Amino acid sequence: MKKGVFISLIILFVFPVLLHAGVEGTKHDLTPTGSSNFSGNFTDPNGSPILNRCVFCHTPHAGGTTIYPLWNKNLPTGTYTMYSSATIDATIPSEPNDRSKICMSCHDGISALNVIFNAPGPGTYTPQVPVGFYDQISDVYYPGSPFAWYPGANIGEMGPWNTSTVYLNNDHPISMNYRSDLDTNLRPPTTVGSRTWVINGSIQLPLYGPGTGTSATVECSSCHDVHDTATYSGKGSTEVYFLRTSNVGSQLCRTCHLF
């Protein structure tokens, strides 16, 4: 076997396992081994808990064709209220790019976590939710909730009290170009091939295309790692999950913001 082919096979089979291991046990793990209020809520046609933790976002077949390859959910269709500030130099779009909308397909608050294109196993069905269990983030994070309402997983602040507007006006802006050429308080980006990063020592935060350099955009996944593969001190106690690096001393913020 040629060396290049062998390395490709290693990447193909080992990398998904690493991502799988990162998600396992986290709040993004919706199987019984997860740690969220939704983990283990969803069952197959036989009433058994779904054990495939990847399927709530990904599918090897019959996925969406207009979003990202093998993505297993529809994008939300609500109207967005985006961040606005008189001091920001970048132009903020009227709604997020698809790269961030895929996050809103769970985190807008009312998109049901169990509505997917292709469920695991034979046949087609919607994973069922037993009576008394949750399937939407607003079932847990709502005004007056016994759980932490804000900040919480309901980033879009939607629920029975709000079914049409995704409020992102009190969150860090997303989907705007990284205009360090207009704002000297931003660290200049580094472009390698077709990818652009903001780099500070060992910390590398990705920006997204199709543009590069200052035309690349900041998205949810610029700061957050949905698979939670980063290792840093205090995760889950003094530091939140799903960051690309620790924010002790504001080091995550200071990767982009110089002052």
Protein backbone atom coordinates (compact mmCIF):
# COMPACT_ATOMS: atom_id res chain seq x y z
CA MET A 1 0.00 0.00 0.00
CA LYS A 2 1.32 3.43 -0.90
CA LYS A 3 2.26 5.71 1.96
CA GLY A 4 -0.18 8.47 0.89
CA VAL A 5 -3.10 6.06 0.71
CA PHE A 6 -2.23 4.64 4.13
CA ILE A 7 -2.16 8.10 5.70
CA SER A 8 -5.49 8.95 4.07
CA LEU A 9 -7.05 5.83 5.55
CA ILE A 10 -5.76 6.77 8.99
CA ILE A 11 -7.34 10.23 8.70
CA LEU A 12 -10.61 8.79 7.38
CA PHE A 13 -11.08 6.29 10.19
CA VAL A 14 -9.29 7.83 13.17
CA PHE A 15 -10.36 11.50 12.92
CA PRO A 16 -14.12 10.75 13.26
CA VAL A 17 -13.31 8.62 16.31
CA LEU A 18 -11.50 11.58 17.91
CA LEU A 19 -14.49 13.85 17.29
CA HIS A 20 -16.82 11.16 18.59
CA ALA A 21 -14.75 10.93 21.77
CA GLY A 22 -14.90 14.71 22.17
CA VAL A 23 -18.71 14.85 21.99
CA GLU A 24 -19.27 11.81 24.20
CA GLY A 25 -20.58 12.77 27.63
CA THR A 26 -20.99 16.47 26.80
CA LYS A 27 -24.18 18.49 26.49
CA HIS A 28 -24.04 17.94 22.72
CA ASP A 29 -24.31 14.20 23.33
CA LEU A 30 -28.06 13.55 23.13
CA THR A 31 -27.74 9.84 23.92
CA PRO A 32 -28.09 8.52 27.49
CA THR A 33 -24.36 9.08 28.10
CA GLY A 34 -24.70 12.86 27.60
CA SER A 35 -24.93 15.48 30.32
CA SER A 36 -27.72 17.77 29.08
CA ASN A 37 -31.40 17.86 30.05
CA PHE A 38 -32.10 16.33 26.62
CA SER A 39 -29.67 13.42 26.79
CA GLY A 40 -31.46 10.09 26.44
CA ASN A 41 -34.85 11.68 25.68
CA PHE A 42 -35.14 10.31 22.13
CA THR A 43 -36.20 6.79 21.19
CA ASP A 44 -36.35 4.65 18.04
CA PRO A 45 -39.56 2.97 16.74
CA ASN A 46 -39.07 0.15 19.23
CA GLY A 47 -39.00 2.55 22.17
CA SER A 48 -35.28 2.05 22.78
CA PRO A 49 -33.03 5.06 23.43
CA ILE A 50 -31.09 6.24 20.38
CA LEU A 51 -27.41 5.51 20.95
CA ASN A 52 -26.02 7.20 17.82
CA ARG A 53 -24.73 10.53 19.11
CA CYS A 54 -23.67 11.81 15.68
CA VAL A 55 -27.07 11.45 14.02
CA PHE A 56 -28.62 14.55 15.56
CA CYS A 57 -26.36 16.67 13.34
CA HIS A 58 -24.83 14.34 10.74
CA THR A 59 -25.89 11.53 8.42
CA PRO A 60 -23.90 9.37 5.97
CA HIS A 61 -26.85 9.27 3.55
CA ALA A 62 -29.91 11.34 2.56
CA GLY A 63 -28.70 14.52 4.22
CA GLY A 64 -29.46 18.09 3.25
CA THR A 65 -28.21 19.15 -0.18
CA THR A 66 -28.42 22.93 0.16
CA ILE A 67 -26.63 23.47 3.48
CA TYR A 68 -23.51 21.42 4.19
CA PRO A 69 -22.69 17.93 2.98
CA LEU A 70 -24.30 15.26 5.15
CA TRP A 71 -25.93 17.81 7.50
CA ASN A 72 -29.00 16.17 9.03
CA LYS A 73 -31.24 19.13 9.92
CA ASN A 74 -33.09 21.98 8.27
CA LEU A 75 -31.97 25.54 8.87
CA PRO A 76 -34.31 27.69 10.99
CA THR A 77 -36.50 30.14 9.10
CA GLY A 78 -37.11 32.87 11.68
CA THR A 79 -36.42 36.58 11.28
CA TYR A 80 -33.17 37.73 12.88
CA THR A 81 -32.41 40.78 14.97
CA MET A 82 -28.64 41.10 14.69
CA TYR A 83 -26.07 42.91 16.81
CA SER A 84 -25.75 46.61 16.10
CA SER A 85 -23.27 49.25 17.26
CA ALA A 86 -22.24 52.68 16.09
CA THR A 87 -18.59 51.83 16.78
CA ILE A 88 -18.27 48.64 14.75
CA ASP A 89 -16.41 48.99 11.45
CA ALA A 90 -17.58 45.80 9.76
CA THR A 91 -20.93 45.55 8.01
CA ILE A 92 -23.23 43.12 9.82
CA PRO A 93 -25.66 41.22 7.58
CA SER A 94 -29.39 41.05 8.24
CA GLU A 95 -29.09 37.36 9.15
CA PRO A 96 -26.28 34.91 9.91
CA ASN A 97 -24.47 32.98 7.23
CA ASP A 98 -25.37 29.31 6.92
CA ARG A 99 -22.15 28.44 8.77
CA SER A 100 -23.74 29.93 11.92
CA LYS A 101 -27.36 29.12 11.08
CA ILE A 102 -26.57 25.45 11.51
CA CYS A 103 -25.95 26.27 15.19
CA MET A 104 -29.30 28.03 15.35
CA SER A 105 -30.98 24.84 14.05
CA CYS A 106 -30.84 23.80 17.71
CA HIS A 107 -29.95 26.97 19.59
CA ASP A 108 -32.69 29.29 18.29
CA GLY A 109 -34.83 27.81 21.08
CA ILE A 110 -37.77 26.32 19.15
CA SER A 111 -36.14 24.03 16.57
CA ALA A 112 -36.88 20.52 17.81
CA LEU A 113 -33.67 18.58 18.41
CA ASN A 114 -35.23 15.32 17.20
CA VAL A 115 -36.41 16.55 13.76
CA ILE A 116 -33.77 15.26 11.36
CA PHE A 117 -33.63 14.15 7.73
CA ASN A 118 -32.37 10.63 8.29
CA ALA A 119 -32.80 8.82 11.59
CA PRO A 120 -30.55 5.87 12.53
CA GLY A 121 -31.53 2.34 11.61
CA PRO A 122 -33.84 1.09 8.84
CA GLY A 123 -36.80 3.05 7.54
CA THR A 124 -37.68 6.71 8.02
CA TYR A 125 -39.17 8.18 11.17
CA THR A 126 -38.86 11.04 13.63
CA PRO A 127 -37.12 10.02 16.87
CA GLN A 128 -39.85 9.96 19.50
CA VAL A 129 -39.97 11.89 22.76
CA PRO A 130 -41.70 10.11 25.67
CA VAL A 131 -44.34 12.07 27.58
CA GLY A 132 -42.79 14.40 30.11
CA PHE A 133 -39.46 14.74 28.26
CA TYR A 134 -38.06 17.68 26.30
CA ASP A 135 -37.32 18.19 22.59
CA GLN A 136 -36.76 21.98 22.34
CA ILE A 137 -34.20 24.11 24.13
CA SER A 138 -36.94 26.54 25.22
CA ASP A 139 -38.52 23.63 27.16
CA VAL A 140 -35.62 24.02 29.59
CA TYR A 141 -34.33 27.57 29.17
CA TYR A 142 -37.24 29.97 29.55
CA PRO A 143 -38.05 33.01 31.73
CA GLY A 144 -38.52 31.80 35.27
CA SER A 145 -36.91 28.44 34.52
CA PRO A 146 -35.41 26.54 37.46
CA PHE A 147 -32.37 26.20 35.21
CA ALA A 148 -30.17 29.15 34.31
CA TRP A 149 -32.20 31.21 31.84
CA TYR A 150 -29.46 33.60 30.82
CA PRO A 151 -26.91 32.92 29.66
CA GLY A 152 -28.15 29.51 28.57
CA ALA A 153 -28.33 27.32 25.53
CA ASN A 154 -31.30 29.33 24.16
CA ILE A 155 -29.07 31.75 22.26
CA GLY A 156 -31.88 32.90 19.97
CA GLU A 157 -34.22 33.57 22.91
CA MET A 158 -37.16 31.91 21.18
CA GLY A 159 -39.94 29.89 22.78
CA PRO A 160 -43.75 29.87 23.14
CA TRP A 161 -43.48 33.56 24.07
CA ASN A 162 -41.55 34.34 20.84
CA THR A 163 -41.93 32.16 17.75
CA SER A 164 -40.79 34.43 14.92
CA THR A 165 -37.71 36.47 15.86
CA VAL A 166 -34.24 35.13 16.65
CA TYR A 167 -32.65 37.74 18.93
CA LEU A 168 -28.89 37.93 18.46
CA ASN A 169 -28.63 41.63 19.29
CA ASN A 170 -27.20 40.93 22.76
CA ASP A 171 -24.62 38.41 21.53
CA HIS A 172 -21.18 38.87 19.99
CA PRO A 173 -21.70 39.77 16.31
CA ILE A 174 -21.32 36.99 13.77
CA SER A 175 -21.14 36.58 9.99
CA MET A 176 -19.41 39.93 9.46
CA ASN A 177 -16.08 40.37 7.69
CA TYR A 178 -13.03 40.52 9.93
CA ARG A 179 -12.05 44.12 9.13
CA SER A 180 -8.72 44.48 10.90
CA ASP A 181 -7.81 46.83 8.05
CA LEU A 182 -10.37 49.30 9.44
CA ASP A 183 -9.91 48.64 13.16
CA THR A 184 -6.37 48.71 14.52
CA ASN A 185 -7.61 47.09 17.73
CA LEU A 186 -8.02 43.82 15.83
CA ARG A 187 -5.10 41.45 15.30
CA PRO A 188 -4.35 41.05 11.57
CA PRO A 189 -5.37 37.63 10.21
CA THR A 190 -3.10 35.04 8.61
CA THR A 191 -4.10 33.32 5.39
CA VAL A 192 -2.66 29.92 4.49
CA GLY A 193 -3.89 28.70 1.11
CA SER A 194 -7.66 29.10 1.10
CA ARG A 195 -8.04 29.28 4.90
CA THR A 196 -7.73 32.32 7.15
CA TRP A 197 -6.92 32.26 10.86
CA VAL A 198 -6.37 34.73 13.69
CA ILE A 199 -3.27 33.48 15.44
CA ASN A 200 -1.81 34.42 18.81
CA GLY A 201 0.97 32.06 19.81
CA SER A 202 -0.49 28.56 20.02
CA ILE A 203 -4.09 29.83 19.75
CA GLN A 204 -5.58 29.67 16.26
CA LEU A 205 -9.14 30.84 15.63
CA PRO A 206 -10.62 30.06 12.20
CA LEU A 207 -12.35 32.57 9.95
CA TYR A 208 -14.56 31.38 7.12
CA GLY A 209 -14.86 31.86 3.37
CA PRO A 210 -15.43 32.07 0.58
CA GLY A 211 -13.36 35.21 1.19
CA THR A 212 -9.90 35.22 2.76
CA GLY A 213 -7.97 37.75 4.81
CA THR A 214 -10.15 40.68 5.88
CA SER A 215 -12.93 39.35 3.61
CA ALA A 216 -13.24 36.18 5.71
CA THR A 217 -16.04 36.10 8.28
CA VAL A 218 -16.38 35.55 12.00
CA GLU A 219 -18.85 32.76 12.78
CA CYS A 220 -20.02 30.88 15.88
CA SER A 221 -17.36 28.25 15.27
CA SER A 222 -14.59 30.86 15.22
CA CYS A 223 -14.68 30.78 19.02
CA HIS A 224 -16.60 27.56 19.71
CA ASP A 225 -15.67 23.95 19.05
CA VAL A 226 -18.95 22.05 18.71
CA HIS A 227 -17.14 18.73 19.24
CA ASP A 228 -15.48 20.04 22.44
CA THR A 229 -12.06 18.62 21.54
CA ALA A 230 -10.00 21.40 23.14
CA THR A 231 -8.38 20.68 26.50
CA TYR A 232 -7.98 23.50 29.00
CA SER A 233 -7.89 23.95 32.75
CA GLY A 234 -11.17 24.57 34.57
CA LYS A 235 -13.45 23.35 31.80
CA GLY A 236 -16.93 22.82 33.25
CA SER A 237 -16.11 24.55 36.54
CA THR A 238 -14.52 27.97 36.15
CA GLU A 239 -14.54 27.82 32.34
CA VAL A 240 -17.43 27.00 30.00
CA TYR A 241 -17.47 24.06 27.61
CA PHE A 242 -17.09 24.16 23.82
CA LEU A 243 -14.47 26.91 23.60
CA ARG A 244 -11.52 26.61 21.24
CA THR A 245 -9.22 27.54 24.11
CA SER A 246 -9.41 28.71 27.72
CA ASN A 247 -10.56 32.28 28.28
CA VAL A 248 -8.62 32.71 31.52
CA GLY A 249 -7.22 36.22 31.45
CA SER A 250 -9.46 36.86 28.42
CA GLN A 251 -6.93 35.04 26.23
CA LEU A 252 -9.64 33.84 23.84
CA CYS A 253 -10.95 37.41 23.46
CA ARG A 254 -7.41 38.81 23.21
CA THR A 255 -6.63 36.54 20.29
CA CYS A 256 -8.64 38.93 18.09
CA HIS A 257 -9.00 42.04 20.28
CA LEU A 258 -5.68 43.72 21.05
CA PHE A 259 -6.99 46.28 23.57
